[in-house]
Amino acid sequence: GYAQQDSQELFSTVLDALHEDLNRVQSKPYIEAKSTDDPNDNSISIDSWNNHLARNQSIIVDLMHGQFKSIVNCPICSKYSVTFDPFSSICLPLPKDKRVVVQFYYIPYDLSKSLLKCAVIAEKK
């Protein structure tokens, strides 16, 4: 069970250490996180990304960072809160396929005929 989490944690730690060693920003300014209450206002996305880049500039950021858009809607007052948060990796579950593919060769008794590669997809129980 925990092998995937451990490997992801190791990957994240190594990636963060590389980023910190390669970060071109020496003096990191404090920047207040921005949010909006308009779910269609994507201008905050650009501001949030620029704020992230003001503190983080490395080849790791260039190649592997992105940002999530989070929208929270209050069911009582119907107000929205929209934020943009940076990420360096995303954990995704690996799907467990409920099918198995069995491949085999059909070799005819009459060897003058060509053999045939076959595949059968069967449901696992």
C-alpha atoms as a PDB file:
ATOM      1  CA  GLY A   1       0.000   0.000   0.000  1.00  0.00           C
ATOM      2  CA  TYR A   2       2.280   2.899   0.816  1.00  0.00           C
ATOM      3  CA  ALA A   3       4.915   2.512  -1.920  1.00  0.00           C
ATOM      4  CA  GLN A   4       3.238   4.997  -4.261  1.00  0.00           C
ATOM      5  CA  GLN A   5       2.868   7.615  -1.502  1.00  0.00           C
ATOM      6  CA  ASP A   6       6.489   7.129  -0.399  1.00  0.00           C
ATOM      7  CA  SER A   7       7.822   7.452  -3.934  1.00  0.00           C
ATOM      8  CA  GLN A   8       5.672  10.525  -4.559  1.00  0.00           C
ATOM      9  CA  GLU A   9       6.903  12.090  -1.310  1.00  0.00           C
ATOM     10  CA  LEU A  10      10.534  11.361  -2.264  1.00  0.00           C
ATOM     11  CA  PHE A  11       9.956  12.813  -5.738  1.00  0.00           C
ATOM     12  CA  SER A  12       8.371  15.940  -4.254  1.00  0.00           C
ATOM     13  CA  THR A  13      11.190  16.393  -1.714  1.00  0.00           C
ATOM     14  CA  VAL A  14      13.938  16.005  -4.331  1.00  0.00           C
ATOM     15  CA  LEU A  15      12.133  18.327  -6.735  1.00  0.00           C
ATOM     16  CA  ASP A  16      11.689  20.980  -4.025  1.00  0.00           C
ATOM     17  CA  ALA A  17      15.371  20.710  -2.988  1.00  0.00           C
ATOM     18  CA  LEU A  18      16.477  21.096  -6.613  1.00  0.00           C
ATOM     19  CA  HIS A  19      14.203  24.089  -7.033  1.00  0.00           C
ATOM     20  CA  GLU A  20      15.530  25.772  -3.882  1.00  0.00           C
ATOM     21  CA  ASP A  21      19.144  25.221  -4.973  1.00  0.00           C
ATOM     22  CA  LEU A  22      18.435  26.541  -8.471  1.00  0.00           C
ATOM     23  CA  ASN A  23      16.106  29.397  -7.463  1.00  0.00           C
ATOM     24  CA  ARG A  24      17.317  32.648  -9.043  1.00  0.00           C
ATOM     25  CA  VAL A  25      15.347  34.786  -6.549  1.00  0.00           C
ATOM     26  CA  GLN A  26      17.635  35.720  -3.657  1.00  0.00           C
ATOM     27  CA  SER A  27      15.346  38.135  -1.797  1.00  0.00           C
ATOM     28  CA  LYS A  28      11.812  36.748  -1.531  1.00  0.00           C
ATOM     29  CA  PRO A  29       9.223  39.467  -0.955  1.00  0.00           C
ATOM     30  CA  TYR A  30       6.115  38.845   1.152  1.00  0.00           C
ATOM     31  CA  ILE A  31       3.088  38.901  -1.130  1.00  0.00           C
ATOM     32  CA  GLU A  32      -0.521  38.697   0.048  1.00  0.00           C
ATOM     33  CA  ALA A  33      -2.531  35.937  -1.600  1.00  0.00           C
ATOM     34  CA  LYS A  34      -5.286  37.262  -3.841  1.00  0.00           C
ATOM     35  CA  SER A  35      -8.774  35.915  -4.334  1.00  0.00           C
ATOM     36  CA  THR A  36     -11.971  37.059  -5.966  1.00  0.00           C
ATOM     37  CA  ASP A  37     -15.669  36.412  -5.601  1.00  0.00           C
ATOM     38  CA  ASP A  38     -16.314  36.328  -9.356  1.00  0.00           C
ATOM     39  CA  PRO A  39     -15.916  32.753 -10.692  1.00  0.00           C
ATOM     40  CA  ASN A  40     -15.395  34.129 -14.233  1.00  0.00           C
ATOM     41  CA  ASP A  41     -12.616  36.565 -13.273  1.00  0.00           C
ATOM     42  CA  ASN A  42      -9.430  34.955 -14.540  1.00  0.00           C
ATOM     43  CA  SER A  43      -7.325  38.121 -14.183  1.00  0.00           C
ATOM     44  CA  ILE A  44      -6.503  36.965 -10.645  1.00  0.00           C
ATOM     45  CA  SER A  45      -4.872  33.928 -12.276  1.00  0.00           C
ATOM     46  CA  ILE A  46      -2.230  36.088 -13.941  1.00  0.00           C
ATOM     47  CA  ASP A  47      -1.660  38.109 -10.754  1.00  0.00           C
ATOM     48  CA  SER A  48      -1.335  34.929  -8.682  1.00  0.00           C
ATOM     49  CA  TRP A  49       1.109  33.397 -11.138  1.00  0.00           C
ATOM     50  CA  ASN A  50       3.212  36.583 -11.229  1.00  0.00           C
ATOM     51  CA  ASN A  51       3.227  36.606  -7.421  1.00  0.00           C
ATOM     52  CA  HIS A  52       4.455  33.004  -7.463  1.00  0.00           C
ATOM     53  CA  LEU A  53       7.211  33.912  -9.935  1.00  0.00           C
ATOM     54  CA  ALA A  54       8.286  36.862  -7.752  1.00  0.00           C
ATOM     55  CA  ARG A  55       9.463  34.284  -5.179  1.00  0.00           C
ATOM     56  CA  ASN A  56      10.193  31.250  -7.382  1.00  0.00           C
ATOM     57  CA  GLN A  57      12.289  31.274 -10.545  1.00  0.00           C
ATOM     58  CA  SER A  58      14.134  28.121 -11.515  1.00  0.00           C
ATOM     59  CA  ILE A  59      14.223  25.598 -14.308  1.00  0.00           C
ATOM     60  CA  ILE A  60      12.003  23.422 -12.096  1.00  0.00           C
ATOM     61  CA  VAL A  61       9.342  26.158 -12.017  1.00  0.00           C
ATOM     62  CA  ASP A  62       9.685  26.682 -15.762  1.00  0.00           C
ATOM     63  CA  LEU A  63       9.164  23.017 -16.550  1.00  0.00           C
ATOM     64  CA  MET A  64       7.019  21.579 -13.770  1.00  0.00           C
ATOM     65  CA  HIS A  65       4.959  24.178 -11.917  1.00  0.00           C
ATOM     66  CA  GLY A  66       1.375  25.121 -12.671  1.00  0.00           C
ATOM     67  CA  GLN A  67      -1.627  26.381 -10.755  1.00  0.00           C
ATOM     68  CA  PHE A  68      -4.947  25.062  -9.577  1.00  0.00           C
ATOM     69  CA  LYS A  69      -8.110  27.108  -9.726  1.00  0.00           C
ATOM     70  CA  SER A  70     -10.304  26.513  -6.683  1.00  0.00           C
ATOM     71  CA  ILE A  71     -13.907  27.683  -6.620  1.00  0.00           C
ATOM     72  CA  VAL A  72     -15.873  27.442  -3.386  1.00  0.00           C
ATOM     73  CA  ASN A  73     -19.562  28.330  -3.364  1.00  0.00           C
ATOM     74  CA  CYS A  74     -21.364  28.970  -0.077  1.00  0.00           C
ATOM     75  CA  PRO A  75     -24.746  27.196  -0.174  1.00  0.00           C
ATOM     76  CA  ILE A  76     -26.202  29.626   2.378  1.00  0.00           C
ATOM     77  CA  CYS A  77     -25.261  33.042   0.984  1.00  0.00           C
ATOM     78  CA  SER A  78     -24.418  31.933  -2.589  1.00  0.00           C
ATOM     79  CA  LYS A  79     -21.113  33.835  -2.544  1.00  0.00           C
ATOM     80  CA  TYR A  80     -18.084  32.495  -4.382  1.00  0.00           C
ATOM     81  CA  SER A  81     -14.438  32.419  -3.389  1.00  0.00           C
ATOM     82  CA  VAL A  82     -11.955  31.858  -6.205  1.00  0.00           C
ATOM     83  CA  THR A  83      -8.251  31.277  -5.555  1.00  0.00           C
ATOM     84  CA  PHE A  84      -5.301  30.127  -7.627  1.00  0.00           C
ATOM     85  CA  ASP A  85      -2.687  27.944  -5.937  1.00  0.00           C
ATOM     86  CA  PRO A  86       0.649  26.802  -7.389  1.00  0.00           C
ATOM     87  CA  PHE A  87       1.625  23.126  -7.604  1.00  0.00           C
ATOM     88  CA  SER A  88       4.736  21.223  -8.596  1.00  0.00           C
ATOM     89  CA  SER A  89       3.204  17.773  -8.908  1.00  0.00           C
ATOM     90  CA  ILE A  90      -0.229  16.231  -8.945  1.00  0.00           C
ATOM     91  CA  CYS A  91      -1.086  12.908  -7.340  1.00  0.00           C
ATOM     92  CA  LEU A  92      -3.421  10.876  -9.500  1.00  0.00           C
ATOM     93  CA  PRO A  93      -4.703   7.424  -8.649  1.00  0.00           C
ATOM     94  CA  LEU A  94      -3.668   4.635 -10.963  1.00  0.00           C
ATOM     95  CA  PRO A  95      -6.764   2.979 -12.387  1.00  0.00           C
ATOM     96  CA  LYS A  96      -7.223  -0.683 -11.674  1.00  0.00           C
ATOM     97  CA  ASP A  97      -8.278  -2.267 -14.903  1.00  0.00           C
ATOM     98  CA  LYS A  98     -11.024  -4.811 -14.416  1.00  0.00           C
ATOM     99  CA  ARG A  99     -10.173  -6.485 -17.681  1.00  0.00           C
ATOM    100  CA  VAL A 100      -7.345  -8.779 -18.655  1.00  0.00           C
ATOM    101  CA  VAL A 101      -5.974  -9.157 -22.175  1.00  0.00           C
ATOM    102  CA  VAL A 102      -4.862 -12.652 -23.104  1.00  0.00           C
ATOM    103  CA  GLN A 103      -2.732 -12.858 -26.227  1.00  0.00           C
ATOM    104  CA  PHE A 104      -1.984 -16.097 -28.008  1.00  0.00           C
ATOM    105  CA  TYR A 105      -0.985 -17.505 -31.384  1.00  0.00           C
ATOM    106  CA  TYR A 106      -3.254 -19.806 -33.352  1.00  0.00           C
ATOM    107  CA  ILE A 107      -1.120 -22.299 -35.215  1.00  0.00           C
ATOM    108  CA  PRO A 108      -3.162 -24.186 -37.804  1.00  0.00           C
ATOM    109  CA  TYR A 109      -2.675 -27.898 -38.227  1.00  0.00           C
ATOM    110  CA  ASP A 110      -2.032 -27.246 -41.925  1.00  0.00           C
ATOM    111  CA  LEU A 111       1.371 -25.523 -41.752  1.00  0.00           C
ATOM    112  CA  SER A 112       0.927 -24.123 -45.248  1.00  0.00           C
ATOM    113  CA  LYS A 113      -1.517 -21.665 -43.680  1.00  0.00           C
ATOM    114  CA  SER A 114      -0.123 -18.714 -41.748  1.00  0.00           C
ATOM    115  CA  LEU A 115      -0.234 -18.484 -37.997  1.00  0.00           C
ATOM    116  CA  LEU A 116      -2.561 -15.943 -36.486  1.00  0.00           C
ATOM    117  CA  LYS A 117      -1.920 -13.708 -33.482  1.00  0.00           C
ATOM    118  CA  CYS A 118      -5.090 -13.347 -31.420  1.00  0.00           C
ATOM    119  CA  ALA A 119      -6.151 -11.383 -28.376  1.00  0.00           C
ATOM    120  CA  VAL A 120      -9.108 -11.933 -26.096  1.00  0.00           C
ATOM    121  CA  ILE A 121     -10.330  -9.411 -23.546  1.00  0.00           C
ATOM    122  CA  ALA A 122     -11.907 -11.000 -20.503  1.00  0.00           C
ATOM    123  CA  GLU A 123     -13.466  -9.479 -17.392  1.00  0.00           C
ATOM    124  CA  LYS A 124     -11.697 -10.203 -14.108  1.00  0.00           C
ATOM    125  CA  LYS A 125     -13.807 -11.564 -11.284  1.00  0.00           C
END
